[in-house]
Amino acid sequence: MKNRTLIAALLALAIGIPAAAGAPQPSDATSSRHEVRRDRRDLRHDRRDTRSDRRDVRQDVRERRQDVRSGDTTAARAETRDIRQDRRDLRGDRRDRRSDRRDIRRDRRDVHRDRHDTTSTSPKP
């Protein structure tokens, strides 16, 4: 694939067509929209992680309660460690979600500003 790209670039130079002009470049608005979509996707994944960690905490609490009732203190301690780890994961997911929401708000604001920007880089006729 790299050889084909190299050959195409050399052929374009030989003919006199600049290679950069032949390849479509994404506009700033398009890349900004994609960035917002990526941040939303990250937020969805963080929500999913949070849900699964909450479910794990509830399950571990049930198992610990059952271990304490049956007198298995070693297993109860292990479940307590699992609960602590899952709660740590929950805090990390909460931080990630907060950061992703902040990124989404900033990106939306930037896209909105760019769309309504009165200073234009293109010359007016």
C-alpha atoms as a PDB file:
ATOM      1  CA  MET A   1       0.000   0.000   0.000  1.00  0.00           C
ATOM      2  CA  LYS A   2       2.855   2.374   0.790  1.00  0.00           C
ATOM      3  CA  ASN A   3       4.450   1.642  -2.561  1.00  0.00           C
ATOM      4  CA  ARG A   4       1.244   2.542  -4.374  1.00  0.00           C
ATOM      5  CA  THR A   5       1.000   5.814  -2.492  1.00  0.00           C
ATOM      6  CA  LEU A   6       4.614   6.627  -3.253  1.00  0.00           C
ATOM      7  CA  ILE A   7       4.182   5.772  -6.930  1.00  0.00           C
ATOM      8  CA  ALA A   8       1.018   7.883  -7.143  1.00  0.00           C
ATOM      9  CA  ALA A   9       2.796  10.840  -5.523  1.00  0.00           C
ATOM     10  CA  LEU A  10       5.768  10.550  -7.882  1.00  0.00           C
ATOM     11  CA  LEU A  11       3.466  10.264 -10.887  1.00  0.00           C
ATOM     12  CA  ALA A  12       1.502  13.301  -9.748  1.00  0.00           C
ATOM     13  CA  LEU A  13       4.736  15.290  -9.403  1.00  0.00           C
ATOM     14  CA  ALA A  14       5.868  14.179 -12.852  1.00  0.00           C
ATOM     15  CA  ILE A  15       2.597  15.290 -14.409  1.00  0.00           C
ATOM     16  CA  GLY A  16       2.695  18.539 -12.465  1.00  0.00           C
ATOM     17  CA  ILE A  17      -0.186  17.972 -10.049  1.00  0.00           C
ATOM     18  CA  PRO A  18       0.663  18.698  -6.434  1.00  0.00           C
ATOM     19  CA  ALA A  19      -0.124  15.654  -4.271  1.00  0.00           C
ATOM     20  CA  ALA A  20      -1.598  17.724  -1.447  1.00  0.00           C
ATOM     21  CA  ALA A  21      -4.150  19.330  -3.757  1.00  0.00           C
ATOM     22  CA  GLY A  22      -5.377  15.954  -4.975  1.00  0.00           C
ATOM     23  CA  ALA A  23      -6.177  14.626  -1.504  1.00  0.00           C
ATOM     24  CA  PRO A  24      -9.249  16.115   0.168  1.00  0.00           C
ATOM     25  CA  GLN A  25      -8.432  17.700   3.523  1.00  0.00           C
ATOM     26  CA  PRO A  26     -11.042  17.728   6.297  1.00  0.00           C
ATOM     27  CA  SER A  27     -12.266  21.152   7.255  1.00  0.00           C
ATOM     28  CA  ASP A  28     -11.938  22.476  10.780  1.00  0.00           C
ATOM     29  CA  ALA A  29     -15.687  22.209  11.312  1.00  0.00           C
ATOM     30  CA  THR A  30     -15.671  18.547  10.319  1.00  0.00           C
ATOM     31  CA  SER A  31     -12.799  17.687  12.620  1.00  0.00           C
ATOM     32  CA  SER A  32     -14.486  19.588  15.452  1.00  0.00           C
ATOM     33  CA  ARG A  33     -17.695  17.628  14.954  1.00  0.00           C
ATOM     34  CA  HIS A  34     -15.729  14.390  14.992  1.00  0.00           C
ATOM     35  CA  GLU A  35     -14.029  15.463  18.191  1.00  0.00           C
ATOM     36  CA  VAL A  36     -17.410  16.067  19.842  1.00  0.00           C
ATOM     37  CA  ARG A  37     -18.567  12.629  18.699  1.00  0.00           C
ATOM     38  CA  ARG A  38     -15.441  11.005  20.124  1.00  0.00           C
ATOM     39  CA  ASP A  39     -16.009  12.723  23.459  1.00  0.00           C
ATOM     40  CA  ARG A  40     -19.642  11.577  23.513  1.00  0.00           C
ATOM     41  CA  ARG A  41     -18.514   8.029  22.781  1.00  0.00           C
ATOM     42  CA  ASP A  42     -16.033   8.220  25.653  1.00  0.00           C
ATOM     43  CA  LEU A  43     -18.811   9.454  27.916  1.00  0.00           C
ATOM     44  CA  ARG A  44     -21.031   6.507  26.929  1.00  0.00           C
ATOM     45  CA  HIS A  45     -18.227   4.060  27.685  1.00  0.00           C
ATOM     46  CA  ASP A  46     -17.631   5.694  31.072  1.00  0.00           C
ATOM     47  CA  ARG A  47     -21.347   5.416  31.896  1.00  0.00           C
ATOM     48  CA  ARG A  48     -21.217   1.739  30.987  1.00  0.00           C
ATOM     49  CA  ASP A  49     -18.175   1.228  33.216  1.00  0.00           C
ATOM     50  CA  THR A  50     -19.936   3.016  36.069  1.00  0.00           C
ATOM     51  CA  ARG A  51     -23.002   0.804  35.730  1.00  0.00           C
ATOM     52  CA  SER A  52     -20.948  -2.377  35.760  1.00  0.00           C
ATOM     53  CA  ASP A  53     -18.893  -1.203  38.769  1.00  0.00           C
ATOM     54  CA  ARG A  54     -22.068  -0.386  40.726  1.00  0.00           C
ATOM     55  CA  ARG A  55     -23.428  -3.823  39.883  1.00  0.00           C
ATOM     56  CA  ASP A  56     -20.142  -5.386  41.050  1.00  0.00           C
ATOM     57  CA  VAL A  57     -20.273  -3.487  44.348  1.00  0.00           C
ATOM     58  CA  ARG A  58     -23.844  -4.653  45.014  1.00  0.00           C
ATOM     59  CA  GLN A  59     -22.912  -8.246  44.180  1.00  0.00           C
ATOM     60  CA  ASP A  60     -19.797  -8.138  46.378  1.00  0.00           C
ATOM     61  CA  VAL A  61     -21.781  -6.707  49.298  1.00  0.00           C
ATOM     62  CA  ARG A  62     -24.281  -9.571  48.965  1.00  0.00           C
ATOM     63  CA  GLU A  63     -21.479 -12.120  48.832  1.00  0.00           C
ATOM     64  CA  ARG A  64     -19.720 -10.568  51.840  1.00  0.00           C
ATOM     65  CA  ARG A  65     -22.961 -10.637  53.824  1.00  0.00           C
ATOM     66  CA  GLN A  66     -23.423 -14.299  52.930  1.00  0.00           C
ATOM     67  CA  ASP A  67     -19.804 -15.102  53.887  1.00  0.00           C
ATOM     68  CA  VAL A  68     -20.198 -13.376  57.264  1.00  0.00           C
ATOM     69  CA  ARG A  69     -23.425 -15.315  57.957  1.00  0.00           C
ATOM     70  CA  SER A  70     -21.735 -18.597  57.119  1.00  0.00           C
ATOM     71  CA  GLY A  71     -18.698 -17.701  59.268  1.00  0.00           C
ATOM     72  CA  ASP A  72     -16.155 -17.554  56.422  1.00  0.00           C
ATOM     73  CA  THR A  73     -14.161 -14.491  57.519  1.00  0.00           C
ATOM     74  CA  THR A  74     -11.347 -15.006  54.985  1.00  0.00           C
ATOM     75  CA  ALA A  75     -13.770 -14.817  52.082  1.00  0.00           C
ATOM     76  CA  ALA A  76     -15.492 -11.823  53.720  1.00  0.00           C
ATOM     77  CA  ARG A  77     -12.140  -9.978  53.854  1.00  0.00           C
ATOM     78  CA  ALA A  78     -11.526 -10.754  50.187  1.00  0.00           C
ATOM     79  CA  GLU A  79     -14.969  -9.401  49.322  1.00  0.00           C
ATOM     80  CA  THR A  80     -14.215  -6.249  51.334  1.00  0.00           C
ATOM     81  CA  ARG A  81     -11.054  -5.745  49.254  1.00  0.00           C
ATOM     82  CA  ASP A  82     -13.094  -6.233  46.080  1.00  0.00           C
ATOM     83  CA  ILE A  83     -15.650  -3.678  47.264  1.00  0.00           C
ATOM     84  CA  ARG A  84     -12.932  -1.123  47.966  1.00  0.00           C
ATOM     85  CA  GLN A  85     -11.372  -1.680  44.538  1.00  0.00           C
ATOM     86  CA  ASP A  86     -14.740  -1.328  42.791  1.00  0.00           C
ATOM     87  CA  ARG A  87     -15.464   1.888  44.687  1.00  0.00           C
ATOM     88  CA  ARG A  88     -12.061   3.225  43.614  1.00  0.00           C
ATOM     89  CA  ASP A  89     -12.982   2.369  40.035  1.00  0.00           C
ATOM     90  CA  LEU A  90     -16.281   4.215  40.497  1.00  0.00           C
ATOM     91  CA  ARG A  91     -14.455   7.346  41.630  1.00  0.00           C
ATOM     92  CA  GLY A  92     -12.138   7.152  38.626  1.00  0.00           C
ATOM     93  CA  ASP A  93     -15.091   6.699  36.272  1.00  0.00           C
ATOM     94  CA  ARG A  94     -16.828   9.681  37.854  1.00  0.00           C
ATOM     95  CA  ARG A  95     -13.718  11.797  37.247  1.00  0.00           C
ATOM     96  CA  ASP A  96     -13.547  10.599  33.637  1.00  0.00           C
ATOM     97  CA  ARG A  97     -17.198  11.420  33.060  1.00  0.00           C
ATOM     98  CA  ARG A  98     -16.765  14.886  34.516  1.00  0.00           C
ATOM     99  CA  SER A  99     -13.759  15.498  32.297  1.00  0.00           C
ATOM    100  CA  ASP A 100     -15.560  14.189  29.201  1.00  0.00           C
ATOM    101  CA  ARG A 101     -18.616  16.374  29.885  1.00  0.00           C
ATOM    102  CA  ARG A 102     -16.328  19.380  30.243  1.00  0.00           C
ATOM    103  CA  ASP A 103     -14.640  18.522  26.923  1.00  0.00           C
ATOM    104  CA  ILE A 104     -18.002  18.204  25.184  1.00  0.00           C
ATOM    105  CA  ARG A 105     -19.138  21.597  26.471  1.00  0.00           C
ATOM    106  CA  ARG A 106     -15.889  23.231  25.359  1.00  0.00           C
ATOM    107  CA  ASP A 107     -16.014  21.613  21.927  1.00  0.00           C
ATOM    108  CA  ARG A 108     -19.636  22.638  21.407  1.00  0.00           C
ATOM    109  CA  ARG A 109     -18.793  26.176  22.429  1.00  0.00           C
ATOM    110  CA  ASP A 110     -15.844  26.262  20.031  1.00  0.00           C
ATOM    111  CA  VAL A 111     -17.913  24.883  17.151  1.00  0.00           C
ATOM    112  CA  HIS A 112     -20.626  27.450  17.865  1.00  0.00           C
ATOM    113  CA  ARG A 113     -18.083  30.279  17.993  1.00  0.00           C
ATOM    114  CA  ASP A 114     -16.450  29.152  14.758  1.00  0.00           C
ATOM    115  CA  ARG A 115     -19.797  28.964  13.005  1.00  0.00           C
ATOM    116  CA  HIS A 116     -20.755  32.484  14.050  1.00  0.00           C
ATOM    117  CA  ASP A 117     -17.319  34.016  13.732  1.00  0.00           C
ATOM    118  CA  THR A 118     -17.469  37.309  11.842  1.00  0.00           C
ATOM    119  CA  THR A 119     -13.787  37.368  10.942  1.00  0.00           C
ATOM    120  CA  SER A 120     -13.312  35.479   7.732  1.00  0.00           C
ATOM    121  CA  THR A 121     -10.028  34.188   6.362  1.00  0.00           C
ATOM    122  CA  SER A 122     -11.290  34.057   2.786  1.00  0.00           C
ATOM    123  CA  PRO A 123     -11.205  37.261   0.716  1.00  0.00           C
ATOM    124  CA  LYS A 124     -14.579  38.806  -0.045  1.00  0.00           C
ATOM    125  CA  PRO A 125     -15.408  39.711  -3.673  1.00  0.00           C
END
